[in-house]
Amino acid sequence: MARSKMTTEFSAKDDFEYKQELAYQMVKRFGLAAARQTCIENRWHGVLEAVNSVRTH
């Protein structure tokens, strides 16, 4: 029973870290404009915020 609890419970910190990593990987692979467009098309508002905060070098 403890196993099912572990897989279904996510903290806000874990969610934020997931969105940040997804945003970073999208920008790295597709570029900033395409990452933003993908988030808009899929209505990923939280990920869009993370994409907007990614600094490209």
N, C-alpha and C. Protein backbone atom coordinates (compact mmCIF):
# COMPACT_ATOMS: atom_id res chain seq x y z
N MET A 1 0.82 -1.19 0.00
CA MET A 1 0.00 0.00 0.00
C MET A 1 0.87 1.26 0.00
N ALA A 2 1.99 1.22 0.67
CA ALA A 2 2.87 2.39 0.69
C ALA A 2 3.39 2.72 -0.70
N ARG A 3 3.56 1.70 -1.52
CA ARG A 3 4.06 1.94 -2.88
C ARG A 3 3.10 2.78 -3.69
N SER A 4 1.81 2.48 -3.63
CA SER A 4 0.84 3.25 -4.40
C SER A 4 0.78 4.70 -3.90
N LYS A 5 1.00 4.92 -2.61
CA LYS A 5 1.04 6.27 -2.09
C LYS A 5 2.20 7.05 -2.68
N MET A 6 3.34 6.40 -2.80
CA MET A 6 4.53 7.06 -3.33
C MET A 6 4.33 7.48 -4.77
N THR A 7 3.66 6.69 -5.57
CA THR A 7 3.51 7.00 -6.98
C THR A 7 2.42 8.02 -7.25
N THR A 8 1.51 8.22 -6.34
CA THR A 8 0.41 9.14 -6.59
C THR A 8 0.56 10.48 -5.89
N GLU A 9 1.45 10.58 -4.93
CA GLU A 9 1.61 11.83 -4.20
C GLU A 9 2.81 12.61 -4.73
N PHE A 10 2.56 13.82 -5.16
CA PHE A 10 3.62 14.70 -5.62
C PHE A 10 3.53 16.00 -4.86
N SER A 11 4.65 16.49 -4.43
CA SER A 11 4.65 17.77 -3.73
C SER A 11 4.70 18.89 -4.76
N ALA A 12 4.41 20.07 -4.33
CA ALA A 12 4.48 21.23 -5.22
C ALA A 12 5.91 21.42 -5.72
N LYS A 13 6.89 21.12 -4.87
CA LYS A 13 8.29 21.25 -5.26
C LYS A 13 8.62 20.29 -6.40
N ASP A 14 8.14 19.04 -6.30
CA ASP A 14 8.39 18.06 -7.36
C ASP A 14 7.75 18.51 -8.67
N ASP A 15 6.56 19.06 -8.59
CA ASP A 15 5.86 19.53 -9.78
C ASP A 15 6.63 20.68 -10.43
N PHE A 16 7.10 21.60 -9.61
CA PHE A 16 7.87 22.73 -10.10
C PHE A 16 9.16 22.25 -10.77
N GLU A 17 9.85 21.33 -10.12
CA GLU A 17 11.10 20.81 -10.69
C GLU A 17 10.85 20.09 -12.00
N TYR A 18 9.75 19.35 -12.09
CA TYR A 18 9.41 18.65 -13.33
C TYR A 18 9.16 19.66 -14.45
N LYS A 19 8.40 20.69 -14.17
CA LYS A 19 8.10 21.70 -15.18
C LYS A 19 9.36 22.43 -15.62
N GLN A 20 10.24 22.74 -14.67
CA GLN A 20 11.50 23.41 -15.00
C GLN A 20 12.36 22.54 -15.91
N GLU A 21 12.47 21.26 -15.58
CA GLU A 21 13.28 20.36 -16.39
C GLU A 21 12.67 20.17 -17.78
N LEU A 22 11.35 20.02 -17.84
CA LEU A 22 10.68 19.89 -19.13
C LEU A 22 10.91 21.14 -19.97
N ALA A 23 10.77 22.29 -19.37
CA ALA A 23 10.99 23.56 -20.08
C ALA A 23 12.41 23.65 -20.60
N TYR A 24 13.37 23.31 -19.77
CA TYR A 24 14.78 23.36 -20.17
C TYR A 24 15.04 22.44 -21.36
N GLN A 25 14.53 21.23 -21.29
CA GLN A 25 14.75 20.26 -22.37
C GLN A 25 14.05 20.70 -23.66
N MET A 26 12.87 21.27 -23.55
CA MET A 26 12.16 21.74 -24.75
C MET A 26 12.92 22.88 -25.42
N VAL A 27 13.40 23.83 -24.62
CA VAL A 27 14.15 24.95 -25.19
C VAL A 27 15.44 24.45 -25.81
N LYS A 28 16.11 23.54 -25.14
CA LYS A 28 17.36 22.99 -25.65
C LYS A 28 17.15 22.27 -26.98
N ARG A 29 16.09 21.49 -27.08
CA ARG A 29 15.86 20.68 -28.27
C ARG A 29 15.20 21.45 -29.41
N PHE A 30 14.20 22.28 -29.08
CA PHE A 30 13.39 22.92 -30.12
C PHE A 30 13.63 24.41 -30.30
N GLY A 31 14.25 25.04 -29.31
CA GLY A 31 14.42 26.48 -29.35
C GLY A 31 13.31 27.16 -28.56
N LEU A 32 13.56 28.40 -28.22
CA LEU A 32 12.65 29.13 -27.35
C LEU A 32 11.27 29.36 -27.98
N ALA A 33 11.24 29.78 -29.23
CA ALA A 33 9.97 30.08 -29.90
C ALA A 33 9.10 28.82 -30.04
N ALA A 34 9.71 27.72 -30.45
CA ALA A 34 8.94 26.48 -30.63
C ALA A 34 8.48 25.92 -29.28
N ALA A 35 9.30 26.06 -28.25
CA ALA A 35 8.90 25.60 -26.92
C ALA A 35 7.70 26.40 -26.43
N ARG A 36 7.74 27.72 -26.62
CA ARG A 36 6.60 28.56 -26.23
C ARG A 36 5.35 28.17 -27.00
N GLN A 37 5.49 27.99 -28.31
CA GLN A 37 4.33 27.64 -29.14
C GLN A 37 3.73 26.30 -28.72
N THR A 38 4.58 25.33 -28.41
CA THR A 38 4.10 24.02 -27.97
C THR A 38 3.31 24.14 -26.68
N CYS A 39 3.82 24.93 -25.75
CA CYS A 39 3.11 25.12 -24.48
C CYS A 39 1.75 25.79 -24.70
N ILE A 40 1.72 26.78 -25.57
CA ILE A 40 0.47 27.49 -25.85
C ILE A 40 -0.54 26.55 -26.50
N GLU A 41 -0.10 25.79 -27.49
CA GLU A 41 -1.00 24.88 -28.20
C GLU A 41 -1.55 23.79 -27.28
N ASN A 42 -0.74 23.34 -26.33
CA ASN A 42 -1.17 22.26 -25.43
C ASN A 42 -1.74 22.76 -24.11
N ARG A 43 -1.82 24.09 -23.99
CA ARG A 43 -2.37 24.73 -22.79
C ARG A 43 -1.61 24.31 -21.53
N TRP A 44 -0.28 24.28 -21.65
CA TRP A 44 0.59 23.96 -20.52
C TRP A 44 1.05 25.27 -19.89
N HIS A 45 0.17 25.92 -19.17
CA HIS A 45 0.46 27.25 -18.64
C HIS A 45 1.61 27.26 -17.65
N GLY A 46 1.67 26.26 -16.80
CA GLY A 46 2.76 26.18 -15.84
C GLY A 46 4.11 25.96 -16.51
N VAL A 47 4.11 25.13 -17.54
CA VAL A 47 5.35 24.88 -18.28
C VAL A 47 5.73 26.12 -19.08
N LEU A 48 4.74 26.83 -19.60
CA LEU A 48 5.01 28.06 -20.33
C LEU A 48 5.71 29.08 -19.44
N GLU A 49 5.27 29.20 -18.21
CA GLU A 49 5.93 30.09 -17.27
C GLU A 49 7.38 29.67 -17.07
N ALA A 50 7.61 28.37 -16.97
CA ALA A 50 8.97 27.86 -16.80
C ALA A 50 9.80 28.12 -18.05
N VAL A 51 9.20 27.95 -19.23
CA VAL A 51 9.91 28.22 -20.49
C VAL A 51 10.32 29.68 -20.54
N ASN A 52 9.43 30.56 -20.14
CA ASN A 52 9.74 31.98 -20.15
C ASN A 52 10.85 32.36 -19.18
N SER A 53 11.06 31.53 -18.18
CA SER A 53 12.11 31.82 -17.20
C SER A 53 13.45 31.17 -17.54
N VAL A 54 13.49 30.33 -18.59
CA VAL A 54 14.73 29.67 -18.99
C VAL A 54 15.63 30.70 -19.66
N ARG A 55 16.86 30.72 -19.23
CA ARG A 55 17.84 31.62 -19.84
C ARG A 55 18.64 30.85 -20.88
N THR A 56 18.64 31.35 -22.08
CA THR A 56 19.43 30.72 -23.13
C THR A 56 20.78 31.41 -23.23
N HIS A 57 21.79 30.65 -23.51
CA HIS A 57 23.16 31.21 -23.58
C HIS A 57 23.63 31.24 -25.00
